[in-house]
């Protein structure tokens, strides 16, 4: 059974990777690229990997494989937060629909007034919302989010977040696939910005109020 499926869309090609060892799938992908060189040449690819957990080096290796065959990798479609984080670190687009985000965040965001934004927040941009805020993209340094409820960032959080401004108060949480805010506040509490540490794992984290202070820990699904 072919474990690699390729479909064409208006945005480029989507390569669906099935089950199996990563090294074996890469061999099969290279075989596809070699056999249909004229079909792929000059194109761009979005890689659909499902729940597979991939590291930054693994994504870099598949990008290099595609480049050798004159194809560029521009997006990763994944259900794994760690894979999403690795893709964001490489500057790749992360394709998630609002429904997918709703499914993943349902455990921490109760039904109510939620705002979903499908873009990266640049420096100088400010989001004010009385309910929960979900960002599908990065929050760059200089960008700000002020939310009455909780904040979920499906990307890199490097700007300022103030959650729990409304009735949620200290019950609010702040989650991100890569957690490095310049300033973090929940209700009336403020957290010190984490020190830069290249050895720190870029894993999803959740910040919440515990014993009257803001604590960040692994964000488990």
N, C-alpha and C. Protein backbone atom coordinates (compact mmCIF):
# COMPACT_ATOMS: atom_id res chain seq x y z
N UNK A 1 0.84 -1.20 0.00
CA UNK A 1 0.00 0.00 0.00
C UNK A 1 0.87 1.24 0.00
N UNK A 2 0.55 2.21 -0.87
CA UNK A 2 1.32 3.44 -0.97
C UNK A 2 1.04 4.30 0.26
N UNK A 3 2.10 4.63 0.98
CA UNK A 3 1.94 5.41 2.21
C UNK A 3 2.10 6.90 1.97
N UNK A 4 2.31 7.29 0.73
CA UNK A 4 2.43 8.70 0.38
C UNK A 4 1.39 9.04 -0.68
N UNK A 5 0.57 10.04 -0.39
CA UNK A 5 -0.46 10.50 -1.33
C UNK A 5 -0.20 11.96 -1.65
N UNK A 6 -0.29 12.31 -2.91
CA UNK A 6 -0.01 13.68 -3.34
C UNK A 6 -1.23 14.24 -4.07
N UNK A 7 -1.67 15.41 -3.63
CA UNK A 7 -2.81 16.07 -4.26
C UNK A 7 -2.45 17.51 -4.62
N UNK A 8 -2.99 17.97 -5.73
CA UNK A 8 -2.77 19.34 -6.16
C UNK A 8 -3.89 20.25 -5.71
N UNK A 9 -3.55 21.45 -5.26
CA UNK A 9 -4.54 22.46 -4.87
C UNK A 9 -4.15 23.79 -5.50
N UNK A 10 -5.00 24.80 -5.31
CA UNK A 10 -4.71 26.12 -5.87
C UNK A 10 -3.50 26.76 -5.18
N UNK A 11 -3.17 26.29 -3.96
CA UNK A 11 -2.03 26.84 -3.22
C UNK A 11 -0.75 26.06 -3.45
N UNK A 12 -0.83 24.94 -4.16
CA UNK A 12 0.34 24.11 -4.37
C UNK A 12 0.01 22.65 -4.14
N UNK A 13 1.02 21.85 -3.90
CA UNK A 13 0.84 20.42 -3.68
C UNK A 13 0.75 20.10 -2.19
N UNK A 14 -0.10 19.15 -1.85
CA UNK A 14 -0.18 18.63 -0.49
C UNK A 14 0.31 17.19 -0.51
N UNK A 15 1.32 16.89 0.31
CA UNK A 15 1.85 15.54 0.42
C UNK A 15 1.37 14.96 1.75
N UNK A 16 0.59 13.89 1.67
CA UNK A 16 0.07 13.21 2.86
C UNK A 16 0.98 12.04 3.19
N UNK A 17 1.52 12.05 4.41
CA UNK A 17 2.39 10.98 4.86
C UNK A 17 1.62 10.03 5.75
N UNK A 18 1.64 8.74 5.42
CA UNK A 18 0.94 7.75 6.21
C UNK A 18 1.80 7.19 7.34
N UNK A 19 1.42 6.03 7.85
CA UNK A 19 2.15 5.41 8.95
C UNK A 19 3.45 4.80 8.45
N UNK A 20 4.37 4.61 9.38
CA UNK A 20 5.63 3.99 9.03
C UNK A 20 6.81 4.76 9.58
N UNK A 21 7.97 4.15 9.52
CA UNK A 21 9.20 4.78 9.99
C UNK A 21 9.50 6.02 9.15
N UNK A 22 9.96 7.08 9.82
CA UNK A 22 10.23 8.34 9.14
C UNK A 22 11.28 8.17 8.04
N UNK A 23 12.34 7.42 8.33
CA UNK A 23 13.40 7.23 7.33
C UNK A 23 12.87 6.53 6.08
N UNK A 24 11.98 5.56 6.27
CA UNK A 24 11.41 4.83 5.14
C UNK A 24 10.50 5.75 4.31
N UNK A 25 9.73 6.59 5.00
CA UNK A 25 8.86 7.52 4.30
C UNK A 25 9.67 8.52 3.47
N UNK A 26 10.81 8.95 4.01
CA UNK A 26 11.65 9.88 3.28
C UNK A 26 12.22 9.23 2.02
N UNK A 27 12.55 7.94 2.13
CA UNK A 27 13.03 7.22 0.95
C UNK A 27 11.94 7.13 -0.11
N UNK A 28 10.71 6.85 0.31
CA UNK A 28 9.60 6.75 -0.63
C UNK A 28 9.28 8.11 -1.24
N UNK A 29 9.37 9.17 -0.43
CA UNK A 29 9.11 10.51 -0.96
C UNK A 29 10.15 10.87 -2.01
N UNK A 30 11.41 10.55 -1.75
CA UNK A 30 12.46 10.85 -2.73
C UNK A 30 12.23 10.07 -4.02
N UNK A 31 11.74 8.84 -3.90
CA UNK A 31 11.45 8.04 -5.09
C UNK A 31 10.35 8.71 -5.92
N UNK A 32 9.31 9.22 -5.26
CA UNK A 32 8.24 9.94 -5.95
C UNK A 32 8.80 11.16 -6.67
N UNK A 33 9.65 11.91 -5.98
CA UNK A 33 10.22 13.13 -6.56
C UNK A 33 11.09 12.82 -7.77
N UNK A 34 11.82 11.72 -7.70
CA UNK A 34 12.71 11.35 -8.81
C UNK A 34 11.93 10.84 -10.01
N UNK A 35 10.88 10.07 -9.76
CA UNK A 35 10.09 9.49 -10.84
C UNK A 35 9.23 10.51 -11.57
N UNK A 36 8.85 11.57 -10.86
CA UNK A 36 7.97 12.58 -11.45
C UNK A 36 8.61 13.96 -11.35
N UNK A 37 9.86 14.04 -11.73
CA UNK A 37 10.63 15.28 -11.58
C UNK A 37 9.98 16.47 -12.28
N UNK A 38 9.49 16.26 -13.50
CA UNK A 38 8.89 17.37 -14.25
C UNK A 38 7.59 17.86 -13.61
N UNK A 39 6.87 16.96 -12.93
CA UNK A 39 5.62 17.31 -12.27
C UNK A 39 5.87 18.20 -11.06
N UNK A 40 6.93 17.89 -10.30
CA UNK A 40 7.21 18.62 -9.07
C UNK A 40 8.03 19.89 -9.28
N UNK A 41 8.86 19.92 -10.32
CA UNK A 41 9.85 20.98 -10.49
C UNK A 41 9.23 22.38 -10.40
N UNK A 42 9.83 23.20 -9.51
CA UNK A 42 9.38 24.58 -9.35
C UNK A 42 8.15 24.74 -8.48
N UNK A 43 7.62 23.64 -7.95
CA UNK A 43 6.40 23.72 -7.15
C UNK A 43 6.69 23.96 -5.68
N UNK A 44 5.62 24.09 -4.90
CA UNK A 44 5.78 24.21 -3.47
C UNK A 44 4.86 23.20 -2.79
N UNK A 45 5.29 22.72 -1.64
CA UNK A 45 4.62 21.61 -0.99
C UNK A 45 4.19 21.95 0.44
N UNK A 46 2.99 21.52 0.77
CA UNK A 46 2.53 21.51 2.16
C UNK A 46 2.53 20.06 2.61
N UNK A 47 3.15 19.79 3.74
CA UNK A 47 3.29 18.43 4.24
C UNK A 47 2.23 18.15 5.30
N UNK A 48 1.40 17.14 5.05
CA UNK A 48 0.36 16.74 6.01
C UNK A 48 0.88 15.52 6.76
N UNK A 49 1.11 15.68 8.09
CA UNK A 49 1.72 14.60 8.86
C UNK A 49 0.82 14.05 9.96
N UNK A 50 -0.41 14.56 10.08
CA UNK A 50 -1.35 14.06 11.08
C UNK A 50 -0.82 14.22 12.49
N UNK A 51 -0.92 13.18 13.33
CA UNK A 51 -0.49 13.29 14.73
C UNK A 51 1.00 13.05 14.94
N UNK A 52 1.74 12.80 13.86
CA UNK A 52 3.17 12.47 13.98
C UNK A 52 3.94 13.62 14.65
N UNK A 53 4.77 13.28 15.62
CA UNK A 53 5.56 14.27 16.35
C UNK A 53 6.93 14.37 15.68
N UNK A 54 7.20 15.52 15.07
CA UNK A 54 8.45 15.73 14.35
C UNK A 54 9.26 16.85 14.99
N UNK A 55 10.57 16.71 14.93
CA UNK A 55 11.48 17.71 15.48
C UNK A 55 11.89 18.71 14.41
N UNK A 56 12.52 19.79 14.84
CA UNK A 56 13.02 20.78 13.89
C UNK A 56 14.02 20.17 12.91
N UNK A 57 14.99 19.35 13.37
CA UNK A 57 15.93 18.72 12.41
C UNK A 57 15.22 17.84 11.39
N UNK A 58 14.18 17.13 11.80
CA UNK A 58 13.45 16.27 10.86
C UNK A 58 12.76 17.12 9.78
N UNK A 59 12.17 18.23 10.19
CA UNK A 59 11.53 19.10 9.22
C UNK A 59 12.56 19.76 8.31
N UNK A 60 13.71 20.09 8.88
CA UNK A 60 14.78 20.66 8.07
C UNK A 60 15.25 19.65 7.03
N UNK A 61 15.33 18.38 7.42
CA UNK A 61 15.81 17.35 6.48
C UNK A 61 14.86 17.16 5.32
N UNK A 62 13.55 17.18 5.59
CA UNK A 62 12.60 17.01 4.49
C UNK A 62 12.60 18.25 3.61
N UNK A 63 12.82 19.42 4.21
CA UNK A 63 12.93 20.64 3.41
C UNK A 63 14.12 20.59 2.47
N UNK A 64 15.25 20.09 2.97
CA UNK A 64 16.46 19.96 2.15
C UNK A 64 16.25 18.93 1.05
N UNK A 65 15.52 17.84 1.37
CA UNK A 65 15.22 16.82 0.36
C UNK A 65 14.41 17.43 -0.78
N UNK A 66 13.42 18.22 -0.44
CA UNK A 66 12.58 18.85 -1.47
C UNK A 66 13.39 19.84 -2.31
N UNK A 67 14.25 20.61 -1.65
CA UNK A 67 15.06 21.60 -2.37
C UNK A 67 15.96 20.92 -3.39
N UNK A 68 16.50 19.75 -3.04
CA UNK A 68 17.36 19.02 -3.99
C UNK A 68 16.61 18.64 -5.26
N UNK A 69 15.29 18.59 -5.16
CA UNK A 69 14.47 18.25 -6.33
C UNK A 69 13.70 19.48 -6.85
N UNK A 70 14.24 20.66 -6.51
CA UNK A 70 13.67 21.93 -6.99
C UNK A 70 12.23 22.15 -6.54
N UNK A 71 11.95 21.75 -5.31
CA UNK A 71 10.63 21.94 -4.71
C UNK A 71 10.82 22.62 -3.36
N UNK A 72 9.92 23.53 -2.98
CA UNK A 72 10.05 24.22 -1.70
C UNK A 72 8.96 23.77 -0.73
N UNK A 73 9.33 23.70 0.54
CA UNK A 73 8.38 23.37 1.61
C UNK A 73 7.89 24.67 2.22
N UNK A 74 6.56 24.87 2.21
CA UNK A 74 6.05 26.15 2.72
C UNK A 74 5.10 25.98 3.91
N UNK A 75 4.55 24.78 4.13
CA UNK A 75 3.58 24.62 5.21
C UNK A 75 3.61 23.21 5.78
N UNK A 76 3.23 23.11 7.06
CA UNK A 76 3.09 21.83 7.74
C UNK A 76 1.68 21.75 8.31
N UNK A 77 0.97 20.69 7.96
CA UNK A 77 -0.35 20.45 8.55
C UNK A 77 -0.19 19.32 9.56
N UNK A 78 -0.45 19.61 10.84
CA UNK A 78 -0.21 18.62 11.88
C UNK A 78 -1.19 18.81 13.03
N UNK A 79 -1.52 17.69 13.69
CA UNK A 79 -2.34 17.73 14.90
C UNK A 79 -1.48 17.75 16.16
N UNK A 80 -0.17 17.64 16.00
CA UNK A 80 0.74 17.59 17.15
C UNK A 80 1.25 18.98 17.50
N UNK A 81 1.02 19.44 18.75
CA UNK A 81 1.52 20.76 19.16
C UNK A 81 3.03 20.89 19.04
N UNK A 82 3.79 19.82 19.34
CA UNK A 82 5.24 19.91 19.26
C UNK A 82 5.70 20.05 17.80
N UNK A 83 5.01 19.38 16.88
CA UNK A 83 5.32 19.52 15.46
C UNK A 83 4.97 20.93 14.98
N UNK A 84 3.83 21.45 15.44
CA UNK A 84 3.43 22.82 15.12
C UNK A 84 4.51 23.80 15.57
N UNK A 85 5.03 23.58 16.77
CA UNK A 85 6.06 24.46 17.31
C UNK A 85 7.33 24.40 16.48
N UNK A 86 7.74 23.18 16.09
CA UNK A 86 8.95 23.02 15.28
C UNK A 86 8.78 23.70 13.92
N UNK A 87 7.59 23.59 13.33
CA UNK A 87 7.32 24.22 12.04
C UNK A 87 7.37 25.75 12.17
N UNK A 88 6.78 26.26 13.24
CA UNK A 88 6.78 27.71 13.45
C UNK A 88 8.20 28.23 13.63
N UNK A 89 9.05 27.45 14.30
CA UNK A 89 10.44 27.85 14.52
C UNK A 89 11.19 28.01 13.20
N UNK A 90 10.80 27.23 12.20
CA UNK A 90 11.44 27.30 10.88
C UNK A 90 10.77 28.32 9.96
N UNK A 91 9.74 29.00 10.47
CA UNK A 91 9.05 29.99 9.66
C UNK A 91 8.08 29.42 8.66
N UNK A 92 7.68 28.16 8.87
CA UNK A 92 6.71 27.53 7.97
C UNK A 92 5.29 27.87 8.38
N UNK A 93 4.40 27.92 7.42
CA UNK A 93 3.00 28.15 7.72
C UNK A 93 2.42 26.93 8.42
N UNK A 94 1.49 27.19 9.31
CA UNK A 94 0.82 26.11 10.04
C UNK A 94 -0.66 26.18 9.68
N UNK A 95 -1.15 25.16 8.98
CA UNK A 95 -2.52 25.17 8.49
C UNK A 95 -3.45 24.51 9.49
N UNK A 96 -4.20 25.34 10.20
CA UNK A 96 -5.22 24.85 11.12
C UNK A 96 -6.50 25.63 10.89
N UNK A 97 -7.59 24.93 10.80
CA UNK A 97 -8.89 25.59 10.65
C UNK A 97 -9.41 25.99 12.01
N UNK A 98 -10.32 26.98 12.09
CA UNK A 98 -10.91 27.36 13.37
C UNK A 98 -11.57 26.18 14.07
N UNK A 99 -12.16 25.24 13.30
CA UNK A 99 -12.82 24.09 13.93
C UNK A 99 -11.79 23.20 14.62
N UNK A 100 -10.63 22.98 13.98
CA UNK A 100 -9.59 22.17 14.59
C UNK A 100 -9.10 22.80 15.89
N UNK A 101 -8.90 24.11 15.86
CA UNK A 101 -8.45 24.81 17.06
C UNK A 101 -9.49 24.70 18.16
N UNK A 102 -10.77 24.83 17.79
CA UNK A 102 -11.84 24.71 18.77
C UNK A 102 -11.82 23.33 19.42
N UNK A 103 -11.60 22.29 18.62
CA UNK A 103 -11.55 20.93 19.16
C UNK A 103 -10.41 20.78 20.17
N UNK A 104 -9.24 21.32 19.83
CA UNK A 104 -8.07 21.18 20.69
C UNK A 104 -8.20 21.99 21.97
N UNK A 105 -8.83 23.17 21.89
CA UNK A 105 -8.88 24.07 23.04
C UNK A 105 -10.13 23.92 23.88
N UNK A 106 -11.03 23.02 23.50
CA UNK A 106 -12.30 22.87 24.22
C UNK A 106 -12.10 22.52 25.69
N UNK A 107 -11.00 21.84 25.99
CA UNK A 107 -10.77 21.43 27.38
C UNK A 107 -10.44 22.60 28.29
N UNK A 108 -9.90 23.69 27.74
CA UNK A 108 -9.50 24.80 28.61
C UNK A 108 -10.35 26.05 28.40
N UNK A 109 -11.05 26.14 27.26
CA UNK A 109 -11.89 27.30 27.01
C UNK A 109 -13.36 26.88 27.07
N UNK A 110 -14.09 27.31 28.07
CA UNK A 110 -15.51 26.97 28.13
C UNK A 110 -16.27 27.67 27.03
N UNK A 111 -17.48 27.19 26.76
CA UNK A 111 -18.32 27.83 25.75
C UNK A 111 -18.56 29.29 26.13
N UNK A 112 -18.51 30.16 25.17
CA UNK A 112 -18.72 31.57 25.48
C UNK A 112 -18.20 32.46 24.39
N UNK A 113 -17.86 33.67 24.75
CA UNK A 113 -17.45 34.70 23.80
C UNK A 113 -15.96 34.56 23.48
N UNK A 114 -15.65 33.88 22.38
CA UNK A 114 -14.25 33.67 21.99
C UNK A 114 -13.97 34.33 20.65
N UNK A 115 -12.78 34.90 20.52
CA UNK A 115 -12.34 35.53 19.28
C UNK A 115 -11.21 34.71 18.69
N UNK A 116 -11.34 34.27 17.42
CA UNK A 116 -10.31 33.50 16.73
C UNK A 116 -9.71 34.36 15.64
N UNK A 117 -8.39 34.53 15.68
CA UNK A 117 -7.69 35.36 14.70
C UNK A 117 -6.69 34.49 13.95
N UNK A 118 -6.82 34.42 12.62
CA UNK A 118 -5.96 33.56 11.80
C UNK A 118 -4.88 34.37 11.11
N UNK A 119 -3.97 34.90 11.88
CA UNK A 119 -2.83 35.63 11.33
C UNK A 119 -1.82 35.89 12.44
N UNK A 120 -0.61 36.24 12.04
CA UNK A 120 0.42 36.60 13.00
C UNK A 120 0.24 38.06 13.41
N UNK A 121 0.40 38.33 14.70
CA UNK A 121 0.32 39.70 15.21
C UNK A 121 1.70 40.33 15.15
N UNK A 122 1.80 41.44 14.43
CA UNK A 122 3.08 42.12 14.27
C UNK A 122 3.27 43.17 15.36
N UNK A 123 4.49 43.68 15.47
CA UNK A 123 4.80 44.72 16.45
C UNK A 123 3.88 45.93 16.26
N UNK A 124 3.32 46.41 17.36
CA UNK A 124 2.44 47.58 17.31
C UNK A 124 0.97 47.23 17.23
N UNK A 125 0.65 45.98 16.90
CA UNK A 125 -0.75 45.56 16.83
C UNK A 125 -1.25 45.16 18.22
N UNK A 126 -2.48 45.59 18.53
CA UNK A 126 -3.07 45.35 19.85
C UNK A 126 -4.45 44.71 19.68
N UNK A 127 -4.69 43.62 20.39
CA UNK A 127 -6.00 42.96 20.38
C UNK A 127 -6.64 43.15 21.75
N UNK A 128 -7.83 43.74 21.77
CA UNK A 128 -8.62 43.88 22.99
C UNK A 128 -9.93 43.12 22.80
N UNK A 129 -10.22 42.19 23.71
CA UNK A 129 -11.45 41.41 23.59
C UNK A 129 -11.94 41.04 24.98
N UNK A 130 -13.26 41.16 25.23
CA UNK A 130 -13.79 40.89 26.57
C UNK A 130 -13.85 39.41 26.94
N UNK A 131 -13.69 38.51 25.93
CA UNK A 131 -13.75 37.07 26.21
C UNK A 131 -12.41 36.41 25.99
N UNK A 132 -12.45 35.15 25.54
CA UNK A 132 -11.23 34.39 25.26
C UNK A 132 -10.67 34.78 23.89
N UNK A 133 -9.36 34.64 23.72
CA UNK A 133 -8.70 34.97 22.45
C UNK A 133 -7.86 33.77 22.01
N UNK A 134 -8.03 33.36 20.74
CA UNK A 134 -7.23 32.30 20.13
C UNK A 134 -6.52 32.88 18.91
N UNK A 135 -5.21 32.77 18.89
CA UNK A 135 -4.42 33.26 17.76
C UNK A 135 -3.85 32.07 17.00
N UNK A 136 -4.18 31.93 15.72
CA UNK A 136 -3.57 30.90 14.87
C UNK A 136 -2.43 31.59 14.13
N UNK A 137 -1.28 31.56 14.73
CA UNK A 137 -0.13 32.29 14.21
C UNK A 137 0.75 32.71 15.37
N UNK A 138 1.74 33.54 15.09
CA UNK A 138 2.66 34.01 16.13
C UNK A 138 2.20 35.33 16.72
N UNK A 139 2.71 35.63 17.89
CA UNK A 139 2.54 36.96 18.50
C UNK A 139 3.95 37.52 18.66
N UNK A 140 4.32 38.42 17.77
CA UNK A 140 5.68 38.93 17.72
C UNK A 140 5.95 39.94 18.83
N UNK A 141 7.24 40.17 19.15
CA UNK A 141 7.58 41.19 20.13
C UNK A 141 7.00 42.54 19.72
N UNK A 142 6.41 43.25 20.68
CA UNK A 142 5.79 44.54 20.38
C UNK A 142 4.30 44.45 20.15
N UNK A 143 3.77 43.23 19.95
CA UNK A 143 2.33 43.02 19.81
C UNK A 143 1.73 42.78 21.20
N UNK A 144 0.45 43.10 21.37
CA UNK A 144 -0.19 42.96 22.67
C UNK A 144 -1.56 42.28 22.53
N UNK A 145 -1.89 41.46 23.52
CA UNK A 145 -3.22 40.86 23.62
C UNK A 145 -3.77 41.16 25.00
N UNK A 146 -4.96 41.74 25.05
CA UNK A 146 -5.64 42.01 26.32
C UNK A 146 -6.99 41.31 26.26
N UNK A 147 -7.17 40.32 27.13
CA UNK A 147 -8.37 39.49 27.06
C UNK A 147 -9.07 39.42 28.42
N UNK A 148 -10.40 39.42 28.35
CA UNK A 148 -11.18 39.25 29.57
C UNK A 148 -11.06 37.84 30.11
N UNK A 149 -10.81 36.86 29.21
CA UNK A 149 -10.68 35.46 29.60
C UNK A 149 -9.29 34.94 29.36
N UNK A 150 -9.21 33.71 28.81
CA UNK A 150 -7.93 33.05 28.56
C UNK A 150 -7.40 33.37 27.17
N UNK A 151 -6.12 33.07 26.95
CA UNK A 151 -5.47 33.31 25.66
C UNK A 151 -4.75 32.04 25.22
N UNK A 152 -5.00 31.61 23.98
CA UNK A 152 -4.32 30.45 23.39
C UNK A 152 -3.62 30.90 22.11
N UNK A 153 -2.34 30.64 22.02
CA UNK A 153 -1.56 31.02 20.83
C UNK A 153 -1.04 29.75 20.16
N UNK A 154 -1.53 29.50 18.93
CA UNK A 154 -1.06 28.33 18.15
C UNK A 154 0.13 28.78 17.31
N UNK A 155 1.24 29.04 18.02
CA UNK A 155 2.45 29.52 17.40
C UNK A 155 3.38 30.02 18.49
N UNK A 156 4.24 30.96 18.15
CA UNK A 156 5.21 31.50 19.10
C UNK A 156 4.64 32.74 19.80
N UNK A 157 4.65 32.71 21.11
CA UNK A 157 4.22 33.87 21.90
C UNK A 157 5.46 34.61 22.37
N UNK A 158 5.70 35.78 21.75
CA UNK A 158 6.88 36.58 22.11
C UNK A 158 6.50 38.02 22.42
N UNK A 159 5.20 38.31 22.40
CA UNK A 159 4.73 39.65 22.72
C UNK A 159 4.20 39.72 24.14
N UNK A 160 3.30 40.69 24.38
CA UNK A 160 2.75 40.90 25.72
C UNK A 160 1.32 40.38 25.79
N UNK A 161 0.99 39.68 26.87
CA UNK A 161 -0.36 39.17 27.08
C UNK A 161 -0.84 39.56 28.47
N UNK A 162 -2.07 40.08 28.52
CA UNK A 162 -2.73 40.34 29.80
C UNK A 162 -4.08 39.63 29.73
N UNK A 163 -4.19 38.50 30.42
CA UNK A 163 -5.42 37.71 30.43
C UNK A 163 -6.15 37.91 31.76
N UNK A 164 -7.41 37.49 31.79
CA UNK A 164 -8.17 37.55 33.04
C UNK A 164 -8.57 38.95 33.45
N UNK A 165 -8.81 39.82 32.47
CA UNK A 165 -9.22 41.19 32.79
C UNK A 165 -10.70 41.29 33.15
N UNK A 166 -11.46 40.25 32.79
CA UNK A 166 -12.90 40.25 33.06
C UNK A 166 -13.25 39.39 34.26
N UNK A 167 -14.41 38.75 34.19
CA UNK A 167 -14.88 37.93 35.29
C UNK A 167 -14.03 36.67 35.50
N UNK A 168 -13.30 36.25 34.45
CA UNK A 168 -12.44 35.08 34.58
C UNK A 168 -11.38 35.30 35.67
N UNK A 169 -10.83 36.52 35.72
CA UNK A 169 -9.83 36.85 36.73
C UNK A 169 -8.70 35.84 36.79
N UNK A 170 -8.39 35.39 38.01
CA UNK A 170 -7.26 34.48 38.19
C UNK A 170 -7.53 33.07 37.69
N UNK A 171 -8.76 32.79 37.20
CA UNK A 171 -9.05 31.48 36.62
C UNK A 171 -8.54 31.38 35.19
N UNK A 172 -8.20 32.51 34.59
CA UNK A 172 -7.74 32.52 33.20
C UNK A 172 -6.38 31.83 33.07
N UNK A 173 -6.11 31.29 31.88
CA UNK A 173 -4.83 30.67 31.57
C UNK A 173 -4.30 31.25 30.26
N UNK A 174 -3.00 31.10 30.05
CA UNK A 174 -2.35 31.53 28.81
C UNK A 174 -1.54 30.34 28.29
N UNK A 175 -1.83 29.90 27.05
CA UNK A 175 -1.15 28.74 26.47
C UNK A 175 -0.50 29.14 25.15
N UNK A 176 0.63 28.52 24.84
CA UNK A 176 1.30 28.76 23.57
C UNK A 176 2.13 27.55 23.19
N UNK A 177 2.29 27.34 21.88
CA UNK A 177 3.13 26.24 21.41
C UNK A 177 4.60 26.51 21.70
N UNK A 178 4.98 27.80 21.67
CA UNK A 178 6.34 28.21 22.06
C UNK A 178 6.19 29.43 22.94
N UNK A 179 6.59 29.31 24.19
CA UNK A 179 6.19 30.25 25.23
C UNK A 179 7.35 31.14 25.65
N UNK A 180 7.42 32.36 25.10
CA UNK A 180 8.47 33.32 25.47
C UNK A 180 7.92 34.74 25.47
N UNK A 181 6.89 35.04 26.28
CA UNK A 181 6.31 36.38 26.28
C UNK A 181 7.27 37.42 26.84
N UNK A 182 7.20 38.64 26.30
CA UNK A 182 8.00 39.72 26.85
C UNK A 182 7.42 40.18 28.18
N UNK A 183 6.10 40.04 28.30
CA UNK A 183 5.44 40.34 29.57
C UNK A 183 4.16 39.52 29.66
N UNK A 184 3.90 38.97 30.83
CA UNK A 184 2.72 38.13 31.03
C UNK A 184 1.99 38.54 32.29
N UNK A 185 0.69 38.82 32.14
CA UNK A 185 -0.14 39.16 33.29
C UNK A 185 -1.41 38.32 33.27
N UNK A 186 -1.82 37.89 34.44
CA UNK A 186 -3.12 37.25 34.61
C UNK A 186 -3.80 37.96 35.76
N UNK A 187 -4.94 38.57 35.47
CA UNK A 187 -5.65 39.40 36.44
C UNK A 187 -4.71 40.50 36.93
N UNK A 188 -4.48 40.62 38.23
CA UNK A 188 -3.61 41.67 38.77
C UNK A 188 -2.17 41.22 38.96
N UNK A 189 -1.88 39.95 38.60
CA UNK A 189 -0.54 39.40 38.81
C UNK A 189 0.32 39.57 37.56
N UNK A 190 1.60 39.70 37.76
CA UNK A 190 2.53 39.85 36.64
C UNK A 190 3.68 38.87 36.81
N UNK A 191 4.12 38.27 35.70
CA UNK A 191 5.21 37.30 35.74
C UNK A 191 6.45 37.90 35.11
N UNK A 192 7.58 37.52 35.61
CA UNK A 192 8.85 37.95 35.05
C UNK A 192 9.08 37.22 33.73
N UNK A 193 9.63 37.92 32.74
CA UNK A 193 9.91 37.31 31.44
C UNK A 193 10.96 36.23 31.61
N UNK A 194 10.79 35.05 30.95
CA UNK A 194 11.78 33.98 31.08
C UNK A 194 13.10 34.38 30.44
N UNK A 195 14.19 33.97 31.05
CA UNK A 195 15.51 34.28 30.50
C UNK A 195 15.72 33.53 29.20
N UNK A 196 16.46 34.13 28.26
CA UNK A 196 16.76 33.46 27.01
C UNK A 196 17.66 32.26 27.29
N UNK A 197 17.27 31.11 26.77
CA UNK A 197 18.03 29.88 27.01
C UNK A 197 17.92 29.00 25.79
N UNK A 198 19.01 28.90 25.02
CA UNK A 198 18.98 28.13 23.78
C UNK A 198 18.75 26.65 24.03
N UNK A 199 19.07 26.19 25.26
CA UNK A 199 18.91 24.77 25.56
C UNK A 199 17.49 24.44 25.99
N UNK A 200 16.67 25.46 26.18
CA UNK A 200 15.31 25.23 26.65
C UNK A 200 14.48 24.57 25.55
N UNK A 201 13.75 23.51 25.89
CA UNK A 201 12.91 22.82 24.92
C UNK A 201 11.77 23.73 24.48
N UNK A 202 11.52 23.77 23.18
CA UNK A 202 10.42 24.56 22.65
C UNK A 202 9.15 23.73 22.67
N UNK A 203 8.66 23.45 23.87
CA UNK A 203 7.47 22.64 24.04
C UNK A 203 6.30 23.51 24.43
N UNK A 204 5.07 23.07 24.12
CA UNK A 204 3.89 23.84 24.51
C UNK A 204 3.83 24.02 26.03
N UNK A 205 3.46 25.23 26.47
CA UNK A 205 3.35 25.53 27.89
C UNK A 205 2.06 26.24 28.21
N UNK A 206 1.61 26.10 29.44
CA UNK A 206 0.42 26.77 29.93
C UNK A 206 0.78 27.53 31.21
N UNK A 207 0.38 28.79 31.27
CA UNK A 207 0.58 29.59 32.47
C UNK A 207 -0.75 29.77 33.19
N UNK A 208 -0.74 29.58 34.49
CA UNK A 208 -1.94 29.74 35.30
C UNK A 208 -1.54 30.30 36.66
N UNK A 209 -2.52 30.70 37.44
CA UNK A 209 -2.26 31.23 38.78
C UNK A 209 -2.33 30.10 39.79
N UNK A 210 -1.23 29.92 40.53
CA UNK A 210 -1.16 28.92 41.58
C UNK A 210 -0.52 29.55 42.81
N UNK A 211 -1.22 29.44 43.94
CA UNK A 211 -0.72 30.02 45.20
C UNK A 211 -0.35 31.50 45.03
N UNK A 212 -1.24 32.20 44.35
CA UNK A 212 -1.12 33.65 44.18
C UNK A 212 0.11 34.07 43.37
N UNK A 213 0.57 33.20 42.48
CA UNK A 213 1.63 33.57 41.56
C UNK A 213 1.44 32.86 40.24
N UNK A 214 2.00 33.41 39.16
CA UNK A 214 1.85 32.83 37.84
C UNK A 214 2.91 31.76 37.65
N UNK A 215 2.45 30.55 37.27
CA UNK A 215 3.33 29.41 37.07
C UNK A 215 3.13 28.86 35.66
N UNK A 216 4.23 28.63 34.94
CA UNK A 216 4.18 28.05 33.60
C UNK A 216 4.62 26.59 33.68
N UNK A 217 3.86 25.69 33.05
CA UNK A 217 4.19 24.27 33.04
C UNK A 217 3.81 23.68 31.71
N UNK A 218 4.19 22.41 31.48
CA UNK A 218 3.91 21.76 30.21
C UNK A 218 2.42 21.75 29.92
N UNK A 219 2.08 22.06 28.68
CA UNK A 219 0.68 22.07 28.25
C UNK A 219 0.37 20.70 27.67
N UNK A 220 -0.27 19.85 28.44
CA UNK A 220 -0.59 18.49 28.02
C UNK A 220 -1.98 18.44 27.43
N UNK A 221 -2.13 17.68 26.32
CA UNK A 221 -3.44 17.52 25.69
C UNK A 221 -4.13 16.27 26.23
